[in-house]
Structure formats: structure tokens, C-alpha cells
Amino acid sequence: MTPVSHSVAVHDVEGVSVESDELNAVNVAKGFVEARRAGRAVAGYPGTPPADLDEAYRIQDAAIALTRQTIAGWKVGKIAPALAGVNRLTGPIFADQVVAAGAKPAAMPVFAEGFAAAEAEYLLRLRAAPTPGKADWSIEEARALVDAVHVGIEIASSPYAGINADGPAVTVSDFGNNNGLVVGDPIVEWRDVDLDTWPVTLLIDGVEAGAATTATMLDGPFGAVRFLLEHAARRGLPLAAGDWVSTGAVTGVHPVVPGDRIEARFGSAHSIHCTVKAR
């Protein structure tokens, strides 16, 4: 993909104009950002949907520039079937939407009239920024850049109800459909165990919604980190020590509604809870 800048000029915002071929990207980004700030759904896609992933990431970059929020990490999701040879996508995780799990389940906001789902995910933390200029990574090199593995829940939610149904480019265009991260316990022994063998289960209101292992997820959680590192090098994304990588839905993407109670279980010793509330 063509590298893009995070310094995106915004048409009709702060008096700065952009080239005409960027107007749709800027207007779509503005529509999503304004809807997210207001906590409201959008009746339809706010502009012309992106034709490919390059255009989708231009919209995402414009939206990141508009939010002016601190990025605490990146979500990585699977594209199936692959689009133009790409089998994963990314989106930013903003710092004010990262919650540490506690004794009382966190209440995570979603767009009740838009799209809302919960996903059981392994959360990997970067120990350092990647080597500048390094464009190709092995899984072993990616693993060496990780200093912690936690259990977690990603909250996927968008003002646009068709965010996933309309395909991966549309998903990418609205922050990859991320709307929050619940960070659970660390897996202290992660260097010595095979996470691909751990059963993962997600329950909604006590009922099993999905079960699987990371053996079904392309090349697994560390492969998701590898993808992000190479993707970030192409796009010029800033990665830093302490950034979270939400590595993909192990058991699937499970629709939720306000009031639902979510539990994710990892192996025999780790679980994490949250609830869902209307934004």
C-alpha cells in the first residue's frame, strides 16, 4: 500500500482546504468522527464507500487527524477471503477507550442503533518501537518485540450498522470498527506455553457464543504483530513502547446489545468480564 501521512489537511475544518480527490475521504471521516463524538448512529454510509483498502486507510488517517486523540495501540482483524492479497486489517485504539479489568465488570459503551459486538482477544504489548526503516519481519522477530501478553475483550462498535456487512474496506474506514479495549490479567508464562493449544470461550449472559483456539487464526497472535509491524512501516504509522496490539477475534465477532454481560475465558486459569451500555 502507498504510505500516507497522518498530517491530513481537512476541507472546511479550521479553514484549510484539500485537493478535490481527497474530499470524499475527508467528508466520510468527518461524518464518522462527528457521529462518534455525538454518540449517535448514521442512517447510511456518510459518503462514497472506499473502493479498496488504500482508499479506506486514507479515510482512516483523515479521521485520526480529526480526533486529535492519543493512540494507545492498534487492533488487527482478519479479512476472509483476502482482499487483493491482504488477509488482515488494522485500526487505532484510543487511550481513553482502554480500560483495565477490575473486580467490578467495566461498562463499555456501544452505539445501540449502529453496530456492536464483543470479541475475545489476546492483547500483546510492545516493549519498544520497531527498528526505523525495517520493512520485513519474521514472526520470531515480532515475538521478540513483545514484552507482555494479556487476556482481553475488544468492543467493536460503529455508528454505521453496516460496518462489517459492507466489507473490509468499509470496516477499515471507521477505525477498523474498534470502540474499546478491556485489558485483563497478564499471562505470566506466555514465553513457555503454546497459546495455540489454549481453548478460548466467549459467553454472553452466561450462554456460550463461541469457542475456538488461535490455531484457527492465520499465523496466530504473533503473526498479527508481524502484520502490524510491516503494515506500519508501509504507512508510516508511529508505534511506540507500551502500545497494545489487539490480535484478532479468537472465537468470532459476536453481536451484543446494551445490558449484555460478557465473559471471555482463556485456558483453564484466565477469565475477564465486562458489560455493555448504550453510548
Protein backbone atom coordinates (compact mmCIF):
# COMPACT_ATOMS: atom_id res chain seq x y z
CA MET A 1 0.00 0.00 0.00
CA THR A 2 1.09 3.55 -0.59
CA PRO A 3 2.45 5.24 2.58
CA VAL A 4 0.19 8.02 3.83
CA SER A 5 0.73 10.90 6.19
CA HIS A 6 -1.07 11.46 9.47
CA SER A 7 -0.93 15.22 8.87
CA VAL A 8 -4.14 15.33 6.83
CA ALA A 9 -5.44 18.69 5.67
CA VAL A 10 -9.19 18.93 6.33
CA HIS A 11 -11.61 20.65 3.96
CA ASP A 12 -13.90 23.19 5.60
CA VAL A 13 -12.42 22.49 9.05
CA GLU A 14 -10.23 25.21 10.54
CA GLY A 15 -10.23 26.95 7.17
CA VAL A 16 -7.87 24.50 5.48
CA SER A 17 -8.71 23.09 2.04
CA VAL A 18 -7.69 19.86 0.33
CA GLU A 19 -7.39 18.64 -3.23
CA SER A 20 -10.67 17.57 -4.83
CA ASP A 21 -9.68 13.89 -4.99
CA GLU A 22 -9.35 13.90 -1.18
CA LEU A 23 -12.72 15.48 -0.47
CA ASN A 24 -14.67 12.26 -0.19
CA ALA A 25 -12.15 10.77 2.25
CA VAL A 26 -12.26 13.91 4.38
CA ASN A 27 -16.04 14.16 4.31
CA VAL A 28 -16.51 10.49 5.24
CA ALA A 29 -14.01 10.88 8.07
CA LYS A 30 -15.79 13.99 9.27
CA GLY A 31 -19.15 12.19 9.21
CA PHE A 32 -17.87 9.30 11.31
CA VAL A 33 -15.95 11.47 13.78
CA GLU A 34 -18.90 13.80 14.36
CA ALA A 35 -21.26 10.84 14.87
CA ARG A 36 -18.85 9.23 17.33
CA ARG A 37 -18.45 12.46 19.29
CA ALA A 38 -22.22 12.87 19.48
CA GLY A 39 -22.82 9.21 20.33
CA ARG A 40 -25.35 8.85 17.54
CA ALA A 41 -25.85 6.40 14.70
CA VAL A 42 -25.74 7.31 11.00
CA ALA A 43 -28.59 6.23 8.71
CA GLY A 44 -26.22 5.29 5.88
CA TYR A 45 -22.55 5.38 4.96
CA PRO A 46 -21.55 9.06 5.17
CA GLY A 47 -20.25 9.44 1.61
CA THR A 48 -18.99 7.18 -1.16
CA PRO A 49 -17.68 3.90 0.29
CA PRO A 50 -13.98 3.20 -0.36
CA ALA A 51 -13.26 1.13 -3.44
CA ASP A 52 -10.16 -0.53 -1.96
CA LEU A 53 -8.01 -0.70 1.16
CA ASP A 54 -5.74 2.17 0.12
CA GLU A 55 -8.73 4.50 -0.08
CA ALA A 56 -10.09 3.09 3.19
CA TYR A 57 -6.86 3.86 5.03
CA ARG A 58 -6.87 7.41 3.62
CA ILE A 59 -10.28 7.85 5.26
CA GLN A 60 -8.99 6.32 8.49
CA ASP A 61 -5.98 8.64 8.52
CA ALA A 62 -8.20 11.68 7.95
CA ALA A 63 -10.40 10.59 10.87
CA ILE A 64 -7.38 10.08 13.14
CA ALA A 65 -6.23 13.61 12.31
CA LEU A 66 -9.68 15.00 13.13
CA THR A 67 -9.94 13.27 16.51
CA ARG A 68 -6.58 14.53 17.80
CA GLN A 69 -6.74 11.68 20.33
CA THR A 70 -3.82 9.73 21.77
CA ILE A 71 -3.39 6.30 20.19
CA ALA A 72 -2.62 3.56 22.74
CA GLY A 73 -2.34 0.74 20.24
CA TRP A 74 -3.82 -0.94 17.18
CA LYS A 75 -6.40 -3.64 16.58
CA VAL A 76 -5.69 -6.29 13.97
CA GLY A 77 -8.55 -8.19 12.37
CA LYS A 78 -8.85 -10.96 9.81
CA ILE A 79 -10.00 -10.38 6.24
CA ALA A 80 -11.63 -13.51 4.84
CA PRO A 81 -11.38 -14.08 1.99
CA ALA A 82 -8.26 -12.00 1.48
CA LEU A 83 -8.71 -8.73 -0.42
CA ALA A 84 -6.08 -8.01 -3.09
CA GLY A 85 -3.78 -10.47 -1.33
CA VAL A 86 -4.18 -8.84 2.10
CA ASN A 87 -5.63 -11.03 4.85
CA ARG A 88 -5.66 -8.63 7.81
CA LEU A 89 -6.73 -5.07 8.59
CA THR A 90 -5.85 -2.56 11.29
CA GLY A 91 -7.44 0.30 13.18
CA PRO A 92 -6.41 2.61 16.04
CA ILE A 93 -7.20 2.01 19.71
CA PHE A 94 -7.54 5.33 21.52
CA ALA A 95 -6.16 5.73 25.02
CA ASP A 96 -9.42 6.98 26.55
CA GLN A 97 -11.15 3.75 25.43
CA VAL A 98 -8.68 1.37 27.11
CA VAL A 99 -9.98 0.05 30.44
CA ALA A 100 -8.20 -2.17 32.96
CA ALA A 101 -10.41 -5.03 34.14
CA GLY A 102 -11.25 -4.95 37.83
CA ALA A 103 -13.35 -6.75 40.40
CA LYS A 104 -16.43 -4.97 39.07
CA PRO A 105 -17.03 -5.55 35.33
CA ALA A 106 -16.37 -2.42 33.28
CA ALA A 107 -19.39 -0.99 31.46
CA MET A 108 -18.27 -0.49 27.87
CA PRO A 109 -20.22 1.92 25.62
CA VAL A 110 -21.54 0.96 22.19
CA PHE A 111 -23.66 2.60 19.50
CA ALA A 112 -27.01 0.98 20.26
CA GLU A 113 -28.53 1.92 16.88
CA GLY A 114 -25.33 1.18 14.96
CA PHE A 115 -23.13 -1.91 15.12
CA ALA A 116 -21.96 -3.51 18.37
CA ALA A 117 -20.05 -6.72 19.09
CA ALA A 118 -17.66 -8.28 21.61
CA GLU A 119 -14.54 -10.28 20.78
CA ALA A 120 -12.24 -12.43 22.94
CA GLU A 121 -8.66 -11.47 22.09
CA TYR A 122 -5.09 -11.86 23.23
CA LEU A 123 -3.56 -8.43 23.85
CA LEU A 124 0.16 -8.14 23.20
CA ARG A 125 2.24 -5.17 24.38
CA LEU A 126 5.25 -3.82 22.51
CA ARG A 127 8.43 -3.44 24.58
CA ALA A 128 9.97 -0.92 22.17
CA ALA A 129 9.38 0.97 18.96
CA PRO A 130 10.26 -1.06 15.85
CA THR A 131 13.60 -0.53 14.16
CA PRO A 132 13.29 2.53 11.87
CA GLY A 133 13.24 1.61 8.20
CA LYS A 134 12.74 -2.11 8.83
CA ALA A 135 10.01 -3.24 6.43
CA ASP A 136 10.10 -7.04 6.69
CA TRP A 137 9.62 -9.00 9.90
CA SER A 138 9.61 -12.68 10.81
CA ILE A 139 7.24 -13.98 13.47
CA GLU A 140 10.27 -14.64 15.69
CA GLU A 141 11.38 -11.00 15.35
CA ALA A 142 7.86 -9.81 16.08
CA ARG A 143 7.67 -12.05 19.14
CA ALA A 144 10.96 -10.59 20.41
CA LEU A 145 9.41 -7.11 20.30
CA VAL A 146 6.63 -8.17 22.71
CA ASP A 147 7.11 -7.84 26.47
CA ALA A 148 3.68 -8.87 27.79
CA VAL A 149 0.62 -10.90 26.83
CA HIS A 150 -2.76 -10.27 28.48
CA VAL A 151 -6.25 -11.66 28.04
CA GLY A 152 -8.78 -9.15 26.83
CA ILE A 153 -12.04 -8.19 25.20
CA GLU A 154 -12.30 -5.88 22.22
CA ILE A 155 -15.52 -3.92 21.89
CA ALA A 156 -16.30 -3.43 18.22
CA SER A 157 -18.84 -0.70 17.58
CA SER A 158 -19.59 1.86 14.89
CA PRO A 159 -22.26 4.49 14.25
CA TYR A 160 -22.87 2.68 10.94
CA ALA A 161 -24.83 -0.57 11.28
CA GLY A 162 -23.42 -1.95 8.00
CA ILE A 163 -19.78 -1.53 9.02
CA ASN A 164 -18.95 -5.24 8.72
CA ALA A 165 -21.59 -6.35 6.24
CA ASP A 166 -20.30 -3.93 3.60
CA GLY A 167 -16.82 -5.47 3.51
CA PRO A 168 -13.33 -4.91 4.92
CA ALA A 169 -12.64 -1.57 3.20
CA VAL A 170 -15.71 -0.06 4.87
CA THR A 171 -14.64 -1.63 8.19
CA VAL A 172 -11.17 -0.05 7.89
CA SER A 173 -12.61 3.37 7.10
CA ASP A 174 -14.22 3.75 10.54
CA PHE A 175 -11.23 2.97 12.78
CA GLY A 176 -11.42 -0.70 11.89
CA ASN A 177 -14.68 -0.86 13.89
CA ASN A 178 -12.84 -0.51 17.24
CA ASN A 179 -14.61 1.20 20.13
CA GLY A 180 -12.79 -0.01 23.22
CA LEU A 181 -10.48 -2.49 24.87
CA VAL A 182 -10.75 -4.24 28.22
CA VAL A 183 -7.31 -5.36 29.43
CA GLY A 184 -7.35 -8.40 31.70
CA ASP A 185 -4.75 -10.43 33.56
CA PRO A 186 -1.25 -11.00 32.22
CA ILE A 187 -0.29 -14.48 31.09
CA VAL A 188 2.98 -14.67 33.02
CA GLU A 189 4.08 -17.92 31.39
CA TRP A 190 3.41 -16.82 27.78
CA ARG A 191 7.01 -17.43 26.67
CA ASP A 192 6.86 -21.06 27.78
CA VAL A 193 3.44 -22.17 26.57
CA ASP A 194 1.79 -22.73 23.20
CA LEU A 195 -1.15 -20.32 23.17
CA ASP A 196 -2.49 -22.08 20.07
CA THR A 197 -3.50 -25.01 22.29
CA TRP A 198 -5.46 -22.95 24.82
CA PRO A 199 -9.25 -23.15 24.48
CA VAL A 200 -10.93 -19.74 24.34
CA THR A 201 -14.63 -19.27 25.00
CA LEU A 202 -16.84 -16.18 24.89
CA LEU A 203 -20.14 -16.10 26.78
CA ILE A 204 -22.98 -13.57 26.60
CA ASP A 205 -25.28 -13.53 29.61
CA GLY A 206 -23.80 -16.89 30.64
CA VAL A 207 -24.52 -18.59 27.31
CA GLU A 208 -21.63 -19.73 25.12
CA ALA A 209 -21.49 -17.62 21.96
CA GLY A 210 -18.30 -19.07 20.51
CA ALA A 211 -15.30 -21.29 21.24
CA ALA A 212 -12.03 -21.83 19.37
CA THR A 213 -8.24 -21.62 19.65
CA THR A 214 -5.75 -19.30 17.99
CA ALA A 215 -4.69 -22.24 15.80
CA THR A 216 -7.63 -21.20 13.58
CA MET A 217 -6.33 -17.60 13.24
CA LEU A 218 -3.97 -17.48 10.24
CA ASP A 219 -0.50 -17.46 11.88
CA GLY A 220 -1.76 -16.60 15.37
CA PRO A 221 -1.31 -13.63 17.73
CA PHE A 222 2.37 -13.11 16.97
CA GLY A 223 1.59 -13.24 13.27
CA ALA A 224 -0.83 -10.38 13.90
CA VAL A 225 2.02 -8.38 15.44
CA ARG A 226 4.22 -9.18 12.45
CA PHE A 227 1.49 -7.95 10.11
CA LEU A 228 1.10 -4.72 12.08
CA LEU A 229 4.84 -4.03 12.05
CA GLU A 230 5.07 -4.43 8.28
CA HIS A 231 1.83 -2.52 7.71
CA ALA A 232 3.04 0.32 9.96
CA ALA A 233 6.32 0.52 8.05
CA ARG A 234 4.46 0.90 4.74
CA ARG A 235 2.03 3.50 6.05
CA GLY A 236 4.40 5.41 8.30
CA LEU A 237 2.40 4.67 11.45
CA PRO A 238 4.02 5.64 14.75
CA LEU A 239 4.48 2.61 17.01
CA ALA A 240 5.95 3.00 20.49
CA ALA A 241 6.92 1.08 23.59
CA GLY A 242 3.81 0.24 25.59
CA ASP A 243 1.47 0.11 22.59
CA TRP A 244 -1.18 -2.61 22.71
CA VAL A 245 -1.86 -4.92 19.80
CA SER A 246 -5.31 -6.49 19.90
CA THR A 247 -4.53 -9.53 17.81
CA GLY A 248 -7.89 -10.67 16.45
CA ALA A 249 -11.16 -12.29 17.46
CA VAL A 250 -10.38 -15.86 18.55
CA THR A 251 -13.96 -17.13 18.75
CA GLY A 252 -15.54 -14.77 16.22
CA VAL A 253 -17.35 -11.43 16.22
CA HIS A 254 -20.38 -11.71 18.50
CA PRO A 255 -23.18 -9.09 18.29
CA VAL A 256 -24.19 -7.54 21.61
CA VAL A 257 -26.79 -5.07 22.86
CA PRO A 258 -26.82 -2.72 25.87
CA GLY A 259 -27.30 -4.67 29.07
CA ASP A 260 -25.42 -7.77 27.92
CA ARG A 261 -22.87 -9.35 30.27
CA ILE A 262 -19.71 -10.56 28.52
CA GLU A 263 -17.22 -13.15 29.78
CA ALA A 264 -14.14 -14.41 27.94
CA ARG A 265 -12.26 -17.47 29.19
CA PHE A 266 -8.69 -18.30 28.17
CA GLY A 267 -7.27 -21.70 29.03
CA SER A 268 -8.13 -23.03 32.48
CA ALA A 269 -6.95 -20.13 34.63
CA HIS A 270 -7.83 -16.80 33.00
CA SER A 271 -11.15 -15.03 32.52
CA ILE A 272 -12.30 -11.46 32.01
CA HIS A 273 -15.69 -9.76 32.28
CA CYS A 274 -17.42 -6.61 31.11
CA THR A 275 -20.90 -5.32 30.44
CA VAL A 276 -22.27 -3.29 27.54
CA LYS A 277 -24.10 0.02 27.81
CA ALA A 278 -25.52 2.48 25.31
CA ARG A 279 -23.16 5.30 24.36
